[in-house]
Amino acid sequence: MTEITIYSTPTCQYCKMAKEYFKGHNIKYEDIDVAANQDAADLMIKKSGQMGVPVIVINKSGKDYVLAGFNQKEISDILGI
């Protein structure tokens, strides 16, 4: 099973693009607003080494793919779309 988490902020355009991409492909994801949750922001930074959003974590077959920014091609390649 594939699980997707998007660390985002409400004003981030790339975050919105990523969410629309997943919605358009009927892919469920968990959205975490790091502007409202400092613990989640700290976890995002620890996972990615990045302070910018979005950070997208795709767990596929027990392996985490951590992507900084919205890269549609890379996401499609990981998900096999």
C-alpha atoms as a PDB file:
ATOM      1  CA  MET A   1       0.000   0.000   0.000  1.00  0.00           C
ATOM      2  CA  THR A   2       1.189   3.490  -0.826  1.00  0.00           C
ATOM      3  CA  GLU A   3       0.832   6.289   1.708  1.00  0.00           C
ATOM      4  CA  ILE A   4       1.408   9.928   0.828  1.00  0.00           C
ATOM      5  CA  THR A   5       1.955  12.833   3.194  1.00  0.00           C
ATOM      6  CA  ILE A   6       2.203  16.432   2.056  1.00  0.00           C
ATOM      7  CA  TYR A   7       3.769  18.935   4.431  1.00  0.00           C
ATOM      8  CA  SER A   8       2.341  22.260   3.306  1.00  0.00           C
ATOM      9  CA  THR A   9       1.168  25.750   4.186  1.00  0.00           C
ATOM     10  CA  PRO A  10      -2.149  27.348   3.199  1.00  0.00           C
ATOM     11  CA  THR A  11      -0.529  30.032   1.019  1.00  0.00           C
ATOM     12  CA  CYS A  12       1.898  27.813  -0.931  1.00  0.00           C
ATOM     13  CA  GLN A  13       1.000  27.609  -4.643  1.00  0.00           C
ATOM     14  CA  TYR A  14       3.172  24.536  -5.251  1.00  0.00           C
ATOM     15  CA  CYS A  15       1.437  22.815  -2.346  1.00  0.00           C
ATOM     16  CA  LYS A  16      -1.913  23.540  -3.985  1.00  0.00           C
ATOM     17  CA  MET A  17      -0.606  22.196  -7.304  1.00  0.00           C
ATOM     18  CA  ALA A  18       0.551  18.980  -5.640  1.00  0.00           C
ATOM     19  CA  LYS A  19      -2.798  18.476  -3.917  1.00  0.00           C
ATOM     20  CA  GLU A  20      -4.672  19.085  -7.175  1.00  0.00           C
ATOM     21  CA  TYR A  21      -2.417  16.575  -8.919  1.00  0.00           C
ATOM     22  CA  PHE A  22      -3.244  13.887  -6.354  1.00  0.00           C
ATOM     23  CA  LYS A  23      -6.953  14.754  -6.391  1.00  0.00           C
ATOM     24  CA  GLY A  24      -6.959  14.619 -10.190  1.00  0.00           C
ATOM     25  CA  HIS A  25      -5.570  11.081 -10.039  1.00  0.00           C
ATOM     26  CA  ASN A  26      -7.910  10.030  -7.192  1.00  0.00           C
ATOM     27  CA  ILE A  27      -4.947   9.445  -4.893  1.00  0.00           C
ATOM     28  CA  LYS A  28      -5.530   9.833  -1.174  1.00  0.00           C
ATOM     29  CA  TYR A  29      -2.992  11.793   0.846  1.00  0.00           C
ATOM     30  CA  GLU A  30      -2.557  13.263   4.305  1.00  0.00           C
ATOM     31  CA  ASP A  31      -2.087  17.026   4.358  1.00  0.00           C
ATOM     32  CA  ILE A  32      -0.157  18.480   7.287  1.00  0.00           C
ATOM     33  CA  ASP A  33      -0.157  22.264   7.727  1.00  0.00           C
ATOM     34  CA  VAL A  34       3.305  23.039   9.064  1.00  0.00           C
ATOM     35  CA  ALA A  35       2.368  26.687   9.622  1.00  0.00           C
ATOM     36  CA  ALA A  36      -0.047  25.539  12.329  1.00  0.00           C
ATOM     37  CA  ASN A  37       1.958  22.612  13.721  1.00  0.00           C
ATOM     38  CA  GLN A  38       5.537  23.272  14.828  1.00  0.00           C
ATOM     39  CA  ASP A  39       6.172  19.620  15.742  1.00  0.00           C
ATOM     40  CA  ALA A  40       5.191  18.596  12.196  1.00  0.00           C
ATOM     41  CA  ALA A  41       7.422  21.347  10.776  1.00  0.00           C
ATOM     42  CA  ASP A  42      10.344  20.028  12.821  1.00  0.00           C
ATOM     43  CA  LEU A  43       9.650  16.474  11.579  1.00  0.00           C
ATOM     44  CA  MET A  44       9.467  17.721   7.984  1.00  0.00           C
ATOM     45  CA  ILE A  45      12.860  19.411   8.343  1.00  0.00           C
ATOM     46  CA  LYS A  46      14.341  16.297   9.926  1.00  0.00           C
ATOM     47  CA  LYS A  47      13.033  14.077   7.100  1.00  0.00           C
ATOM     48  CA  SER A  48      13.958  16.360   4.212  1.00  0.00           C
ATOM     49  CA  GLY A  49      16.633  18.758   5.387  1.00  0.00           C
ATOM     50  CA  GLN A  50      14.406  21.475   3.895  1.00  0.00           C
ATOM     51  CA  MET A  51      12.507  24.333   5.481  1.00  0.00           C
ATOM     52  CA  GLY A  52      10.510  25.096   2.332  1.00  0.00           C
ATOM     53  CA  VAL A  53       7.231  23.489   1.342  1.00  0.00           C
ATOM     54  CA  PRO A  54       5.870  21.342  -0.055  1.00  0.00           C
ATOM     55  CA  VAL A  55       7.703  18.309   1.202  1.00  0.00           C
ATOM     56  CA  ILE A  56       6.013  15.192  -0.116  1.00  0.00           C
ATOM     57  CA  VAL A  57       6.699  11.825   1.480  1.00  0.00           C
ATOM     58  CA  ILE A  58       5.605   8.802  -0.510  1.00  0.00           C
ATOM     59  CA  ASN A  59       5.833   5.494   1.329  1.00  0.00           C
ATOM     60  CA  LYS A  60       5.647   2.746  -1.261  1.00  0.00           C
ATOM     61  CA  SER A  61       6.280  -0.876  -0.300  1.00  0.00           C
ATOM     62  CA  GLY A  62       7.945   0.196   2.942  1.00  0.00           C
ATOM     63  CA  LYS A  63      10.364   2.630   1.279  1.00  0.00           C
ATOM     64  CA  ASP A  64      10.103   6.376   1.886  1.00  0.00           C
ATOM     65  CA  TYR A  65      10.635   8.731  -1.040  1.00  0.00           C
ATOM     66  CA  VAL A  66      11.114  12.263   0.296  1.00  0.00           C
ATOM     67  CA  LEU A  67      10.597  14.996  -2.298  1.00  0.00           C
ATOM     68  CA  ALA A  68      11.244  18.672  -1.703  1.00  0.00           C
ATOM     69  CA  GLY A  69       9.002  20.733  -3.954  1.00  0.00           C
ATOM     70  CA  PHE A  70       6.430  19.603  -6.490  1.00  0.00           C
ATOM     71  CA  ASN A  71       8.023  17.541  -9.257  1.00  0.00           C
ATOM     72  CA  GLN A  72       5.165  15.960 -11.195  1.00  0.00           C
ATOM     73  CA  LYS A  73       7.396  13.707 -13.307  1.00  0.00           C
ATOM     74  CA  GLU A  74       9.238  12.314 -10.293  1.00  0.00           C
ATOM     75  CA  ILE A  75       5.955  11.672  -8.466  1.00  0.00           C
ATOM     76  CA  SER A  76       4.481   9.989 -11.546  1.00  0.00           C
ATOM     77  CA  ASP A  77       7.575   7.798 -11.905  1.00  0.00           C
ATOM     78  CA  ILE A  78       7.427   6.711  -8.252  1.00  0.00           C
ATOM     79  CA  LEU A  79       3.700   5.973  -8.424  1.00  0.00           C
ATOM     80  CA  GLY A  80       3.844   4.373 -11.864  1.00  0.00           C
ATOM     81  CA  ILE A  81       1.314   6.776 -13.366  1.00  0.00           C
END
